[in-house]
Amino acid sequence: MTPTPFRISVSDDVLDDLRSRLRRTLFTTASDPDRWAAGTDPAYLRELVTHWAESFDWRAAERALNTRPQYTAEIDGRTVHFVHIRGRRPEGAPGPLPLVLTHGWPSSFVEMLKVAGPLTDPAAYGGDPADAFDVVIPSLPGFLYSSLPRGPFTRKAVARIWHRLMTETLGYEQYGAFGGDIGGGVTQWLGALYPEHVAGVHITSAVVTADFSERPPTAAEQAYLDALDAYDADDQGYSEIMCTRPDTLAAALADSPAGLAAWIVDKYRAWSDCGGDLESRWDKDTVLTVATLYWATGTIGSSFRQYYDYHLNERVPPITVPAAVTLSHEPAYAGYPRSLAERQCTDLRHWSTPGRGGHFMAHEEPDQVAAELRTFFRLLRDAR
């Protein structure tokens, strides 16, 4: 399980084929006069595809990504890709706290890169150098350069892989964990499975326990659950097809880069705290960096596996390690009551509703996320 240094290198043949496909894109027309009401706006998609084919500089993006120290490791015979950036510590100070950051869907390790600097070198960003972390950012199984797990893709299974990465591959005895969406589920399982090794867990997409048998939901909790059901009725079409017919969808997206971009962009706009202005959170070059990574690795289909296997996820046991929630400002969590998180986390020490930063909070609000992580884990460092 010794880490092997890794560099991203997309061949010229792959890039030439990509540009050729983009230039031959057949565009559809809008189904609704209200832009974005029926999904990715065709006019915006045309702009994005034109930029991808004619102006986007992948080689510059590739060089920028390769300034981050990347590695692969074999765990259970499967490849795990990750970024590992060691923190800068003051002379004589305790070593930086290891922290694993887990992304969600339709995302990648790129989501976490903006926050890596403030976490690993807080002094350079006006923070206290004693708050430094060693940052580990793995690519989820089936995403980009990480292999799918041998068995079903569940949050619990990923947590087991991450724990081996942190303790056996990287040699950390104790570490913290952060994530949202899928990454939030993995983070919760890390806290539940390994309380003797996990210093604390910090999530942005709070949990909803499925078990109300002993304590029925309060009025506030039920109001939230009803609102979530109403929101899902309008939003969940994407997940229904990935849960039931992922290979049918993947066949289209693996063959059409424009279709791939449309599928990703729809959720970047809907789930970001962007007020309808996608590029206030995701500029075209960043969107296309992620889309090119998916395209070059051919992994959009394997990224669906965690949806197809979703029914195999178990309910997370009570989390007894110190926990923190910085609640995502996205429609799915509007009105989320703290009491729901307290049902799952028996030691909820930090609760924050900043009102900004959505599904991809580490990318959207990196300074906010860094500050929240420093505040929470500062309370726990002395106990190491």
Protein backbone atom coordinates (compact mmCIF):
# COMPACT_ATOMS: atom_id res chain seq x y z
CA MET A 1 0.00 0.00 0.00
CA THR A 2 2.97 2.33 -0.46
CA PRO A 3 1.80 5.48 -2.27
CA THR A 4 3.00 5.96 -5.84
CA PRO A 5 3.42 9.53 -7.15
CA PHE A 6 0.87 10.33 -9.84
CA ARG A 7 0.51 12.97 -12.54
CA ILE A 8 -2.50 13.60 -14.76
CA SER A 9 -1.61 13.20 -18.43
CA VAL A 10 -4.33 13.20 -21.06
CA SER A 11 -3.08 12.14 -24.48
CA ASP A 12 -3.27 14.39 -27.52
CA ASP A 13 -5.35 11.72 -29.28
CA VAL A 14 -8.02 11.91 -26.56
CA LEU A 15 -8.08 15.71 -26.72
CA ASP A 16 -8.25 15.74 -30.53
CA ASP A 17 -11.16 13.30 -30.50
CA LEU A 18 -12.89 15.37 -27.81
CA ARG A 19 -12.64 18.58 -29.84
CA SER A 20 -13.87 16.79 -32.95
CA ARG A 21 -16.95 15.52 -31.12
CA LEU A 22 -17.62 18.95 -29.61
CA ARG A 23 -17.48 20.64 -33.01
CA ARG A 24 -20.06 18.18 -34.35
CA THR A 25 -22.51 18.63 -31.47
CA LEU A 26 -26.19 18.64 -32.38
CA PHE A 27 -28.00 21.05 -30.07
CA THR A 28 -31.60 20.83 -28.96
CA THR A 29 -34.10 23.64 -28.46
CA ALA A 30 -35.48 24.79 -25.13
CA SER A 31 -38.67 23.14 -23.86
CA ASP A 32 -39.69 26.14 -21.78
CA PRO A 33 -39.35 29.89 -22.44
CA ASP A 34 -38.10 30.25 -18.86
CA ARG A 35 -34.39 29.52 -19.20
CA TRP A 36 -33.18 26.53 -17.14
CA ALA A 37 -36.73 25.56 -16.13
CA ALA A 38 -36.53 22.27 -18.05
CA GLY A 39 -32.88 21.51 -17.33
CA THR A 40 -29.61 22.81 -18.71
CA ASP A 41 -30.32 25.85 -20.86
CA PRO A 42 -29.50 25.02 -24.52
CA ALA A 43 -28.16 28.54 -25.16
CA TYR A 44 -25.75 28.30 -22.25
CA LEU A 45 -24.73 24.80 -23.29
CA ARG A 46 -23.90 26.06 -26.78
CA GLU A 47 -21.64 28.75 -25.25
CA LEU A 48 -19.95 26.20 -23.01
CA VAL A 49 -19.39 23.65 -25.77
CA THR A 50 -18.00 26.31 -28.11
CA HIS A 51 -15.57 27.43 -25.41
CA TRP A 52 -14.59 23.81 -24.71
CA ALA A 53 -13.87 23.14 -28.38
CA GLU A 54 -12.17 26.40 -29.32
CA SER A 55 -10.80 28.26 -26.29
CA PHE A 56 -10.44 26.10 -23.21
CA ASP A 57 -6.78 25.38 -22.46
CA TRP A 58 -6.74 21.88 -20.99
CA ARG A 59 -2.96 21.77 -20.83
CA ALA A 60 -2.94 24.84 -18.55
CA ALA A 61 -5.58 23.21 -16.35
CA GLU A 62 -3.60 19.97 -16.32
CA ARG A 63 -0.41 21.79 -15.27
CA ALA A 64 -2.29 23.54 -12.47
CA LEU A 65 -3.72 20.27 -11.18
CA ASN A 66 -0.30 18.67 -11.28
CA THR A 67 1.13 21.29 -8.95
CA ARG A 68 -0.79 19.43 -6.24
CA PRO A 69 1.02 16.37 -4.90
CA GLN A 70 -1.03 13.41 -6.14
CA TYR A 71 -0.63 9.71 -5.49
CA THR A 72 -2.25 6.36 -6.03
CA ALA A 73 -2.30 3.43 -3.63
CA GLU A 74 -3.54 -0.14 -3.94
CA ILE A 75 -6.05 -1.03 -1.22
CA ASP A 76 -7.81 -4.39 -1.40
CA GLY A 77 -6.46 -4.75 -4.91
CA ARG A 78 -8.14 -1.55 -6.08
CA THR A 79 -6.57 1.79 -7.00
CA VAL A 80 -7.24 4.85 -4.85
CA HIS A 81 -6.20 8.23 -6.22
CA PHE A 82 -5.63 11.05 -3.76
CA VAL A 83 -4.04 14.43 -3.16
CA HIS A 84 -1.85 14.63 -0.04
CA ILE A 85 -0.65 18.05 1.09
CA ARG A 86 1.28 18.27 4.35
CA GLY A 87 0.62 21.23 6.63
CA ARG A 88 3.19 23.82 7.58
CA ARG A 89 3.71 23.82 11.33
CA PRO A 90 5.54 26.30 13.54
CA GLU A 91 8.84 25.12 14.96
CA GLY A 92 8.27 23.25 18.19
CA ALA A 93 4.50 23.02 17.66
CA PRO A 94 2.59 19.72 17.52
CA GLY A 95 2.25 18.18 14.09
CA PRO A 96 -0.65 19.25 11.88
CA LEU A 97 -3.89 17.33 12.37
CA PRO A 98 -4.55 14.92 9.46
CA LEU A 99 -7.87 15.64 7.76
CA VAL A 100 -9.55 13.64 4.99
CA LEU A 101 -11.88 15.66 2.74
CA THR A 102 -14.45 13.69 0.71
CA HIS A 103 -16.32 15.10 -2.27
CA GLY A 104 -19.73 14.13 -3.61
CA TRP A 105 -21.50 13.84 -6.99
CA PRO A 106 -21.27 15.10 -9.71
CA SER A 107 -17.95 16.27 -8.41
CA SER A 108 -14.31 15.36 -7.99
CA PHE A 109 -11.25 16.10 -5.90
CA VAL A 110 -11.19 19.49 -7.67
CA GLU A 111 -14.05 20.57 -5.39
CA MET A 112 -11.72 20.55 -2.38
CA LEU A 113 -8.64 22.21 -3.86
CA LYS A 114 -9.54 25.82 -3.03
CA VAL A 115 -9.73 25.05 0.67
CA ALA A 116 -6.48 23.06 0.76
CA GLY A 117 -4.23 26.12 0.95
CA PRO A 118 -5.95 27.81 3.90
CA LEU A 119 -6.02 24.48 5.75
CA THR A 120 -2.42 23.43 5.17
CA ASP A 121 -0.82 26.87 5.51
CA PRO A 122 -3.19 29.03 7.56
CA ALA A 123 -0.52 31.66 8.28
CA ALA A 124 -0.31 32.50 4.57
CA TYR A 125 -4.04 33.27 4.65
CA GLY A 126 -4.06 35.37 7.81
CA GLY A 127 -4.77 32.49 10.18
CA ASP A 128 -3.05 30.93 13.16
CA PRO A 129 -0.23 28.59 12.06
CA ALA A 130 -1.13 26.27 14.95
CA ASP A 131 -4.37 25.45 13.06
CA ALA A 132 -2.55 23.68 10.20
CA PHE A 133 -3.82 20.37 8.83
CA ASP A 134 -2.31 17.62 6.74
CA VAL A 135 -4.91 17.42 3.98
CA VAL A 136 -5.85 14.22 2.15
CA ILE A 137 -8.33 14.47 -0.74
CA PRO A 138 -9.22 11.08 -2.25
CA SER A 139 -11.20 10.53 -5.43
CA LEU A 140 -14.27 8.46 -4.62
CA PRO A 141 -14.27 4.90 -5.99
CA GLY A 142 -15.30 4.89 -9.65
CA PHE A 143 -14.54 8.59 -9.99
CA LEU A 144 -11.67 9.63 -12.27
CA TYR A 145 -8.54 7.70 -11.28
CA SER A 146 -9.98 5.58 -8.44
CA SER A 147 -11.25 2.06 -9.13
CA LEU A 148 -14.70 0.90 -8.13
CA PRO A 149 -14.74 -1.21 -4.95
CA ARG A 150 -14.82 -4.98 -5.27
CA GLY A 151 -18.31 -5.16 -3.80
CA PRO A 152 -21.23 -2.71 -3.76
CA PHE A 153 -20.52 1.01 -3.56
CA THR A 154 -21.85 2.00 -0.15
CA ARG A 155 -20.81 4.85 2.13
CA LYS A 156 -19.73 2.27 4.70
CA ALA A 157 -17.53 0.48 2.16
CA VAL A 158 -15.82 3.73 1.20
CA ALA A 159 -15.25 4.61 4.86
CA ARG A 160 -13.44 1.30 5.32
CA ILE A 161 -11.18 2.10 2.34
CA TRP A 162 -10.52 5.64 3.59
CA HIS A 163 -9.60 4.35 7.03
CA ARG A 164 -7.02 2.01 5.56
CA LEU A 165 -5.71 4.85 3.41
CA MET A 166 -5.29 7.13 6.41
CA THR A 167 -3.92 4.59 8.90
CA GLU A 168 -2.13 1.89 6.91
CA THR A 169 -1.02 3.73 3.76
CA LEU A 170 -0.28 7.14 5.29
CA GLY A 171 0.46 6.01 8.85
CA TYR A 172 -1.84 8.37 10.75
CA GLU A 173 -3.04 7.10 14.12
CA GLN A 174 -5.74 9.75 14.45
CA TYR A 175 -7.41 12.02 11.94
CA GLY A 176 -10.43 14.20 11.31
CA ALA A 177 -12.97 13.89 8.50
CA PHE A 178 -15.00 16.38 6.45
CA GLY A 179 -17.47 16.06 3.61
CA GLY A 180 -20.86 16.75 2.10
CA ASP A 181 -23.29 14.73 -0.02
CA ILE A 182 -21.72 11.26 -0.55
CA GLY A 183 -18.69 12.60 1.28
CA GLY A 184 -20.88 13.52 4.21
CA GLY A 185 -22.19 9.96 4.38
CA VAL A 186 -18.66 8.56 4.23
CA THR A 187 -17.59 11.01 6.93
CA GLN A 188 -20.43 9.89 9.20
CA TRP A 189 -19.48 6.25 8.76
CA LEU A 190 -15.84 7.02 9.58
CA GLY A 191 -16.98 8.51 12.89
CA ALA A 192 -19.34 5.62 13.60
CA LEU A 193 -16.89 2.82 12.71
CA TYR A 194 -13.60 4.18 14.04
CA PRO A 195 -14.18 6.33 17.13
CA GLU A 196 -10.77 5.42 18.52
CA HIS A 197 -9.06 6.89 15.43
CA VAL A 198 -11.38 9.67 14.26
CA ALA A 199 -10.90 12.88 16.25
CA GLY A 200 -14.09 14.40 14.91
CA VAL A 201 -16.44 14.60 11.93
CA HIS A 202 -17.63 17.73 10.14
CA ILE A 203 -20.39 17.63 7.54
CA THR A 204 -22.25 20.17 5.41
CA SER A 205 -25.23 18.06 4.33
CA ALA A 206 -26.85 17.05 7.58
CA VAL A 207 -28.29 13.63 8.19
CA VAL A 208 -31.91 12.52 8.38
CA THR A 209 -32.30 9.37 10.43
CA ALA A 210 -34.78 6.90 8.98
CA ASP A 211 -35.70 5.55 12.41
CA PHE A 212 -38.37 7.48 14.29
CA SER A 213 -39.76 4.41 16.05
CA GLU A 214 -38.62 5.42 19.53
CA ARG A 215 -39.09 9.18 19.13
CA PRO A 216 -41.58 10.37 16.54
CA PRO A 217 -40.56 13.53 14.66
CA THR A 218 -41.29 16.83 16.30
CA ALA A 219 -43.50 19.35 14.52
CA ALA A 220 -40.43 21.20 13.21
CA GLU A 221 -38.81 17.97 12.05
CA GLN A 222 -41.97 16.80 10.30
CA ALA A 223 -42.34 20.16 8.58
CA TYR A 224 -38.82 19.81 7.24
CA LEU A 225 -39.36 16.22 6.10
CA ASP A 226 -42.55 17.26 4.27
CA ALA A 227 -40.72 20.14 2.59
CA LEU A 228 -37.91 17.78 1.57
CA ASP A 229 -40.42 15.39 -0.01
CA ALA A 230 -41.93 18.27 -1.98
CA TYR A 231 -38.49 19.39 -3.15
CA ASP A 232 -37.50 15.86 -4.17
CA ALA A 233 -40.66 15.46 -6.24
CA ASP A 234 -39.37 18.21 -8.54
CA ASP A 235 -35.64 17.43 -8.38
CA GLN A 236 -35.20 13.69 -8.14
CA GLY A 237 -35.69 12.70 -11.77
CA TYR A 238 -31.94 12.61 -12.28
CA SER A 239 -31.46 10.16 -9.40
CA GLU A 240 -34.33 7.89 -10.42
CA ILE A 241 -32.71 7.10 -13.75
CA MET A 242 -29.26 6.63 -12.21
CA CYS A 243 -30.71 4.35 -9.54
CA THR A 244 -32.61 2.19 -12.04
CA ARG A 245 -31.08 2.55 -15.54
CA PRO A 246 -27.53 3.92 -15.09
CA ASP A 247 -26.07 2.01 -18.05
CA THR A 248 -28.64 3.46 -20.46
CA LEU A 249 -27.77 6.99 -19.42
CA ALA A 250 -24.03 6.29 -19.31
CA ALA A 251 -24.09 5.07 -22.91
CA ALA A 252 -25.23 8.52 -24.03
CA LEU A 253 -22.94 10.54 -21.80
CA ALA A 254 -19.85 8.45 -22.54
CA ASP A 255 -20.36 9.13 -26.26
CA SER A 256 -21.34 12.81 -26.14
CA PRO A 257 -19.19 15.34 -24.30
CA ALA A 258 -21.93 17.94 -24.73
CA GLY A 259 -24.40 15.60 -23.04
CA LEU A 260 -21.89 14.94 -20.27
CA ALA A 261 -21.46 18.67 -19.69
CA ALA A 262 -25.22 19.24 -19.68
CA TRP A 263 -25.75 16.52 -17.06
CA ILE A 264 -23.08 17.97 -14.77
CA VAL A 265 -23.98 21.63 -15.26
CA ASP A 266 -27.65 21.07 -14.43
CA LYS A 267 -26.70 20.06 -10.89
CA TYR A 268 -23.91 22.61 -10.47
CA ARG A 269 -26.46 25.35 -11.06
CA ALA A 270 -29.36 23.78 -9.13
CA TRP A 271 -27.35 22.85 -6.04
CA SER A 272 -24.85 25.69 -5.78
CA ASP A 273 -25.69 28.79 -3.82
CA CYS A 274 -25.57 30.82 -7.03
CA GLY A 275 -29.00 32.46 -7.20
CA GLY A 276 -29.43 31.16 -10.72
CA ASP A 277 -26.10 32.61 -11.91
CA LEU A 278 -24.00 29.49 -12.42
CA GLU A 279 -20.80 31.35 -13.22
CA SER A 280 -20.85 33.22 -9.94
CA ARG A 281 -19.77 29.89 -8.44
CA TRP A 282 -18.50 27.81 -11.37
CA ASP A 283 -16.66 29.64 -14.13
CA LYS A 284 -16.52 27.87 -17.48
CA ASP A 285 -12.90 26.80 -17.16
CA THR A 286 -13.51 25.08 -13.82
CA VAL A 287 -16.62 23.34 -15.13
CA LEU A 288 -14.65 22.17 -18.15
CA THR A 289 -11.72 21.02 -16.04
CA VAL A 290 -14.05 18.65 -14.20
CA ALA A 291 -15.88 17.64 -17.39
CA THR A 292 -12.60 16.89 -19.17
CA LEU A 293 -11.45 14.73 -16.26
CA TYR A 294 -14.67 12.72 -16.42
CA TRP A 295 -14.39 12.45 -20.21
CA ALA A 296 -10.73 11.48 -20.33
CA THR A 297 -11.15 8.80 -17.66
CA GLY A 298 -14.47 7.52 -19.02
CA THR A 299 -15.91 7.40 -15.51
CA ILE A 300 -19.24 9.17 -15.66
CA GLY A 301 -20.93 5.75 -15.81
CA SER A 302 -18.98 4.31 -12.89
CA SER A 303 -19.75 7.46 -10.88
CA PHE A 304 -23.40 6.36 -11.07
CA ARG A 305 -22.66 3.14 -9.19
CA GLN A 306 -23.26 4.72 -5.81
CA TYR A 307 -26.81 5.54 -7.00
CA TYR A 308 -27.47 2.06 -8.37
CA ASP A 309 -26.23 0.54 -5.10
CA TYR A 310 -27.90 3.14 -2.90
CA HIS A 311 -30.53 0.72 -1.57
CA LEU A 312 -27.71 -1.35 -0.05
CA ASN A 313 -26.67 1.42 2.33
CA GLU A 314 -27.33 0.69 5.98
CA ARG A 315 -28.56 3.25 8.46
CA VAL A 316 -25.58 4.92 10.13
CA PRO A 317 -25.27 3.94 13.81
CA PRO A 318 -25.12 6.70 16.43
CA ILE A 319 -22.00 8.81 16.02
CA THR A 320 -20.33 9.32 19.37
CA VAL A 321 -17.19 11.22 18.33
CA PRO A 322 -17.33 15.04 18.42
CA ALA A 323 -19.33 16.29 15.45
CA ALA A 324 -19.92 19.55 13.63
CA VAL A 325 -22.43 20.73 11.04
CA THR A 326 -22.01 23.74 8.79
CA LEU A 327 -25.35 23.54 7.04
CA SER A 328 -25.42 23.81 3.27
CA HIS A 329 -27.45 26.73 1.91
CA GLU A 330 -29.27 24.78 -0.76
CA PRO A 331 -32.99 24.03 -1.20
CA ALA A 332 -32.74 20.49 0.15
CA TYR A 333 -31.67 21.80 3.58
CA ALA A 334 -33.89 24.84 3.91
CA GLY A 335 -35.43 24.74 7.38
CA TYR A 336 -33.34 21.78 8.53
CA PRO A 337 -33.67 21.66 12.34
CA ARG A 338 -30.64 21.05 14.54
CA SER A 339 -32.58 18.40 16.43
CA LEU A 340 -32.39 16.04 13.45
CA ALA A 341 -28.60 16.14 13.52
CA GLU A 342 -28.65 15.61 17.28
CA ARG A 343 -30.60 12.40 16.78
CA GLN A 344 -27.60 11.00 14.90
CA CYS A 345 -24.68 12.78 16.56
CA THR A 346 -24.62 12.30 20.32
CA ASP A 347 -21.82 14.87 20.78
CA LEU A 348 -22.74 17.69 18.40
CA ARG A 349 -20.33 20.41 19.43
CA HIS A 350 -20.58 22.86 16.55
CA TRP A 351 -23.70 23.93 14.65
CA SER A 352 -23.55 26.71 12.07
CA THR A 353 -25.99 28.04 9.49
CA PRO A 354 -23.98 30.71 7.66
CA GLY A 355 -26.58 31.15 4.93
CA ARG A 356 -24.11 30.91 2.06
CA GLY A 357 -22.36 28.10 0.27
CA GLY A 358 -24.31 25.27 -1.26
CA HIS A 359 -23.80 21.63 -2.18
CA PHE A 360 -20.17 22.23 -3.16
CA MET A 361 -19.38 24.43 -0.18
CA ALA A 362 -15.61 23.87 -0.09
CA HIS A 363 -15.40 25.19 -3.66
CA GLU A 364 -18.02 27.89 -3.30
CA GLU A 365 -16.91 29.30 0.07
CA PRO A 366 -13.39 28.02 0.82
CA ASP A 367 -12.59 30.71 3.40
CA GLN A 368 -15.81 29.94 5.25
CA VAL A 369 -15.14 26.21 5.25
CA ALA A 370 -11.55 26.71 6.39
CA ALA A 371 -12.69 28.93 9.25
CA GLU A 372 -15.39 26.45 10.30
CA LEU A 373 -12.95 23.54 10.26
CA ARG A 374 -10.35 25.47 12.25
CA THR A 375 -12.94 26.49 14.84
CA PHE A 376 -14.28 22.97 15.33
CA PHE A 377 -11.02 21.07 15.34
CA ARG A 378 -9.23 23.66 17.48
CA LEU A 379 -11.40 22.37 20.31
CA LEU A 380 -10.12 18.83 19.73
CA ARG A 381 -6.40 19.30 19.09
CA ASP A 382 -5.49 19.44 22.77
CA ALA A 383 -7.02 16.01 23.27
CA ARG A 384 -4.69 14.36 20.76
